[in-house]
Amino acid sequence: MFVFQCGLNKLLSRSLVQAHAVFEFLILYAIPVMIFAYCYGRIFHAIRRQSKVVAGHVGRSQDVHMATTSRDANAGQVQQQATGTTTGTKLSHTELNVLKTMIAVIVVFLLSWTVVDFSNFLRRIGVSIYNTSEIHPI
């Protein structure tokens, strides 16, 4: 009976350690990365929506001004290029810079922490990432 309990305790303790490792990996790495990406996506969406609203207001006030001062058929195109407003899904220069910055921050975070967190996770669940049979003492 004692042997069975010791074996069960070892199995139970190993299972608890592995469960704790999974929980810790999720709480300290995976969930923050998902929240990080989601929040940056929402920020970018809000910036894009706000820039369209501002561009719409700027465009309307300049359209009136340009219509009264210019008789050129391409005045609308010139105004669009001057204010940086775009139609459709094309990103403005500012939006593209914000998107590049957000992607850079996320990629640097992932590169900085993925190796450490994943190797700690593997070590804690009992997976060796090193081949110890090839290590020779000096």
C-alpha atoms as a PDB file:
ATOM      1  CA  MET A   1       0.000   0.000   0.000  1.00  0.00           C
ATOM      2  CA  PHE A   2       2.827   2.402   0.863  1.00  0.00           C
ATOM      3  CA  VAL A   3       4.504   1.775  -2.517  1.00  0.00           C
ATOM      4  CA  PHE A   4       1.238   2.536  -4.286  1.00  0.00           C
ATOM      5  CA  GLN A   5       0.835   5.795  -2.339  1.00  0.00           C
ATOM      6  CA  CYS A   6       4.415   6.886  -3.096  1.00  0.00           C
ATOM      7  CA  GLY A   7       3.905   6.163  -6.779  1.00  0.00           C
ATOM      8  CA  LEU A   8       0.597   8.014  -6.719  1.00  0.00           C
ATOM      9  CA  ASN A   9       2.161  10.953  -4.862  1.00  0.00           C
ATOM     10  CA  LYS A  10       4.985  11.156  -7.418  1.00  0.00           C
ATOM     11  CA  LEU A  11       2.503  10.944 -10.264  1.00  0.00           C
ATOM     12  CA  LEU A  12       0.216  13.474  -8.620  1.00  0.00           C
ATOM     13  CA  SER A  13       3.059  15.835  -7.801  1.00  0.00           C
ATOM     14  CA  ARG A  14       4.411  15.559 -11.370  1.00  0.00           C
ATOM     15  CA  SER A  15       0.926  16.241 -12.747  1.00  0.00           C
ATOM     16  CA  LEU A  16       0.551  19.244 -10.451  1.00  0.00           C
ATOM     17  CA  VAL A  17       3.926  20.599 -11.518  1.00  0.00           C
ATOM     18  CA  GLN A  18       2.973  20.203 -15.179  1.00  0.00           C
ATOM     19  CA  ALA A  19      -0.444  21.799 -14.608  1.00  0.00           C
ATOM     20  CA  HIS A  20       1.230  24.674 -12.790  1.00  0.00           C
ATOM     21  CA  ALA A  21       3.699  25.070 -15.667  1.00  0.00           C
ATOM     22  CA  VAL A  22       0.857  25.245 -18.200  1.00  0.00           C
ATOM     23  CA  PHE A  23      -1.063  27.699 -16.016  1.00  0.00           C
ATOM     24  CA  GLU A  24       2.023  29.869 -15.525  1.00  0.00           C
ATOM     25  CA  PHE A  25       2.817  29.863 -19.273  1.00  0.00           C
ATOM     26  CA  LEU A  26      -0.739  30.920 -20.078  1.00  0.00           C
ATOM     27  CA  ILE A  27      -0.935  33.611 -17.394  1.00  0.00           C
ATOM     28  CA  LEU A  28       2.560  35.046 -17.819  1.00  0.00           C
ATOM     29  CA  TYR A  29       2.992  34.766 -21.594  1.00  0.00           C
ATOM     30  CA  ALA A  30       0.187  33.544 -23.868  1.00  0.00           C
ATOM     31  CA  ILE A  31      -2.720  35.552 -22.454  1.00  0.00           C
ATOM     32  CA  PRO A  32      -0.697  38.803 -22.175  1.00  0.00           C
ATOM     33  CA  VAL A  33       0.427  38.394 -25.807  1.00  0.00           C
ATOM     34  CA  MET A  34      -3.187  37.950 -26.919  1.00  0.00           C
ATOM     35  CA  ILE A  35      -4.330  40.956 -24.866  1.00  0.00           C
ATOM     36  CA  PHE A  36      -1.380  42.961 -26.181  1.00  0.00           C
ATOM     37  CA  ALA A  37      -2.225  42.192 -29.821  1.00  0.00           C
ATOM     38  CA  TYR A  38      -5.957  42.779 -29.297  1.00  0.00           C
ATOM     39  CA  CYS A  39      -5.420  46.158 -27.596  1.00  0.00           C
ATOM     40  CA  TYR A  40      -2.986  47.321 -30.268  1.00  0.00           C
ATOM     41  CA  GLY A  41      -5.498  46.267 -32.918  1.00  0.00           C
ATOM     42  CA  ARG A  42      -8.230  48.284 -31.209  1.00  0.00           C
ATOM     43  CA  ILE A  43      -5.913  51.305 -30.898  1.00  0.00           C
ATOM     44  CA  PHE A  44      -5.059  51.117 -34.598  1.00  0.00           C
ATOM     45  CA  HIS A  45      -8.732  50.751 -35.504  1.00  0.00           C
ATOM     46  CA  ALA A  46      -9.601  53.837 -33.412  1.00  0.00           C
ATOM     47  CA  ILE A  47      -6.770  55.860 -34.978  1.00  0.00           C
ATOM     48  CA  ARG A  48      -7.865  54.858 -38.459  1.00  0.00           C
ATOM     49  CA  ARG A  49     -11.509  55.696 -37.758  1.00  0.00           C
ATOM     50  CA  GLN A  50     -10.575  59.055 -36.209  1.00  0.00           C
ATOM     51  CA  SER A  51      -8.277  59.986 -39.090  1.00  0.00           C
ATOM     52  CA  LYS A  52     -11.102  59.297 -41.553  1.00  0.00           C
ATOM     53  CA  VAL A  53     -13.417  61.565 -39.538  1.00  0.00           C
ATOM     54  CA  VAL A  54     -10.827  64.341 -39.373  1.00  0.00           C
ATOM     55  CA  ALA A  55      -9.991  63.921 -43.065  1.00  0.00           C
ATOM     56  CA  GLY A  56     -13.691  64.156 -43.898  1.00  0.00           C
ATOM     57  CA  HIS A  57     -14.026  67.450 -42.008  1.00  0.00           C
ATOM     58  CA  VAL A  58     -10.857  68.881 -43.535  1.00  0.00           C
ATOM     59  CA  GLY A  59     -11.880  67.704 -46.988  1.00  0.00           C
ATOM     60  CA  ARG A  60     -15.311  69.353 -46.812  1.00  0.00           C
ATOM     61  CA  SER A  61     -13.973  72.712 -45.681  1.00  0.00           C
ATOM     62  CA  GLN A  62     -11.269  72.709 -48.354  1.00  0.00           C
ATOM     63  CA  ASP A  63     -13.669  71.516 -51.072  1.00  0.00           C
ATOM     64  CA  VAL A  64     -15.762  74.632 -50.566  1.00  0.00           C
ATOM     65  CA  HIS A  65     -12.668  76.839 -50.638  1.00  0.00           C
ATOM     66  CA  MET A  66     -11.192  75.129 -53.699  1.00  0.00           C
ATOM     67  CA  ALA A  67     -14.484  75.137 -55.578  1.00  0.00           C
ATOM     68  CA  THR A  68     -14.687  78.898 -55.279  1.00  0.00           C
ATOM     69  CA  THR A  69     -11.056  79.612 -56.134  1.00  0.00           C
ATOM     70  CA  SER A  70     -10.187  76.969 -58.724  1.00  0.00           C
ATOM     71  CA  ARG A  71     -11.810  76.015 -62.005  1.00  0.00           C
ATOM     72  CA  ASP A  72      -9.499  73.067 -62.538  1.00  0.00           C
ATOM     73  CA  ALA A  73     -11.190  69.696 -63.129  1.00  0.00           C
ATOM     74  CA  ASN A  74      -8.476  67.946 -61.076  1.00  0.00           C
ATOM     75  CA  ALA A  75      -8.959  70.165 -57.992  1.00  0.00           C
ATOM     76  CA  GLY A  76     -10.511  67.282 -56.043  1.00  0.00           C
ATOM     77  CA  GLN A  77      -7.502  65.041 -56.708  1.00  0.00           C
ATOM     78  CA  VAL A  78      -5.050  67.764 -55.738  1.00  0.00           C
ATOM     79  CA  GLN A  79      -6.979  68.444 -52.521  1.00  0.00           C
ATOM     80  CA  GLN A  80      -7.007  64.743 -51.672  1.00  0.00           C
ATOM     81  CA  GLN A  81      -3.246  64.486 -52.140  1.00  0.00           C
ATOM     82  CA  ALA A  82      -2.575  67.676 -50.179  1.00  0.00           C
ATOM     83  CA  THR A  83      -4.592  66.641 -47.111  1.00  0.00           C
ATOM     84  CA  GLY A  84      -3.437  63.013 -47.161  1.00  0.00           C
ATOM     85  CA  THR A  85      -6.982  61.668 -47.222  1.00  0.00           C
ATOM     86  CA  THR A  86      -7.577  58.417 -48.985  1.00  0.00           C
ATOM     87  CA  THR A  87     -10.560  56.515 -50.169  1.00  0.00           C
ATOM     88  CA  GLY A  88     -11.125  52.810 -49.730  1.00  0.00           C
ATOM     89  CA  THR A  89      -8.736  50.662 -47.743  1.00  0.00           C
ATOM     90  CA  LYS A  90      -5.501  52.465 -48.603  1.00  0.00           C
ATOM     91  CA  LEU A  91      -3.512  53.561 -45.536  1.00  0.00           C
ATOM     92  CA  SER A  92      -2.249  57.103 -45.136  1.00  0.00           C
ATOM     93  CA  HIS A  93       1.436  57.742 -44.410  1.00  0.00           C
ATOM     94  CA  THR A  94       0.700  58.417 -40.717  1.00  0.00           C
ATOM     95  CA  GLU A  95      -1.431  55.284 -40.352  1.00  0.00           C
ATOM     96  CA  LEU A  96       1.289  53.227 -42.008  1.00  0.00           C
ATOM     97  CA  ASN A  97       3.888  54.608 -39.568  1.00  0.00           C
ATOM     98  CA  VAL A  98       1.641  53.786 -36.587  1.00  0.00           C
ATOM     99  CA  LEU A  99       1.057  50.276 -37.925  1.00  0.00           C
ATOM    100  CA  LYS A 100       4.791  49.700 -38.458  1.00  0.00           C
ATOM    101  CA  THR A 101       5.536  50.892 -34.926  1.00  0.00           C
ATOM    102  CA  MET A 102       2.887  48.616 -33.401  1.00  0.00           C
ATOM    103  CA  ILE A 103       4.141  45.618 -35.351  1.00  0.00           C
ATOM    104  CA  ALA A 104       7.737  46.399 -34.348  1.00  0.00           C
ATOM    105  CA  VAL A 105       6.790  46.578 -30.656  1.00  0.00           C
ATOM    106  CA  ILE A 106       4.916  43.269 -30.808  1.00  0.00           C
ATOM    107  CA  VAL A 107       7.705  41.509 -32.736  1.00  0.00           C
ATOM    108  CA  VAL A 108      10.428  42.756 -30.367  1.00  0.00           C
ATOM    109  CA  PHE A 109       8.363  41.626 -27.369  1.00  0.00           C
ATOM    110  CA  LEU A 110       7.823  38.196 -28.930  1.00  0.00           C
ATOM    111  CA  LEU A 111      11.494  37.815 -29.847  1.00  0.00           C
ATOM    112  CA  SER A 112      12.574  38.893 -26.380  1.00  0.00           C
ATOM    113  CA  TRP A 113      10.293  36.662 -24.332  1.00  0.00           C
ATOM    114  CA  THR A 114       9.283  33.667 -26.451  1.00  0.00           C
ATOM    115  CA  VAL A 115      12.531  31.740 -26.094  1.00  0.00           C
ATOM    116  CA  VAL A 116      12.787  32.322 -22.347  1.00  0.00           C
ATOM    117  CA  ASP A 117       9.153  31.542 -21.563  1.00  0.00           C
ATOM    118  CA  PHE A 118       8.936  28.544 -23.868  1.00  0.00           C
ATOM    119  CA  SER A 119      12.191  27.005 -22.587  1.00  0.00           C
ATOM    120  CA  ASN A 120      11.040  27.535 -18.971  1.00  0.00           C
ATOM    121  CA  PHE A 121       7.722  25.921 -19.846  1.00  0.00           C
ATOM    122  CA  LEU A 122       9.434  22.892 -21.412  1.00  0.00           C
ATOM    123  CA  ARG A 123      11.844  22.557 -18.482  1.00  0.00           C
ATOM    124  CA  ARG A 124       9.012  22.686 -15.939  1.00  0.00           C
ATOM    125  CA  ILE A 125       6.934  20.019 -17.657  1.00  0.00           C
ATOM    126  CA  GLY A 126       9.974  17.750 -17.773  1.00  0.00           C
ATOM    127  CA  VAL A 127      11.114  18.062 -21.378  1.00  0.00           C
ATOM    128  CA  SER A 128      14.860  18.418 -21.737  1.00  0.00           C
ATOM    129  CA  ILE A 129      15.937  20.687 -24.566  1.00  0.00           C
ATOM    130  CA  TYR A 130      19.575  19.644 -24.202  1.00  0.00           C
ATOM    131  CA  ASN A 131      21.103  16.331 -25.150  1.00  0.00           C
ATOM    132  CA  THR A 132      23.004  15.555 -21.936  1.00  0.00           C
ATOM    133  CA  SER A 133      24.652  12.409 -23.369  1.00  0.00           C
ATOM    134  CA  GLU A 134      26.894  14.548 -25.593  1.00  0.00           C
ATOM    135  CA  ILE A 135      28.116  16.861 -22.826  1.00  0.00           C
ATOM    136  CA  HIS A 136      31.651  15.917 -21.845  1.00  0.00           C
ATOM    137  CA  PRO A 137      33.351  17.225 -18.729  1.00  0.00           C
ATOM    138  CA  ILE A 138      36.580  19.099 -19.303  1.00  0.00           C
END
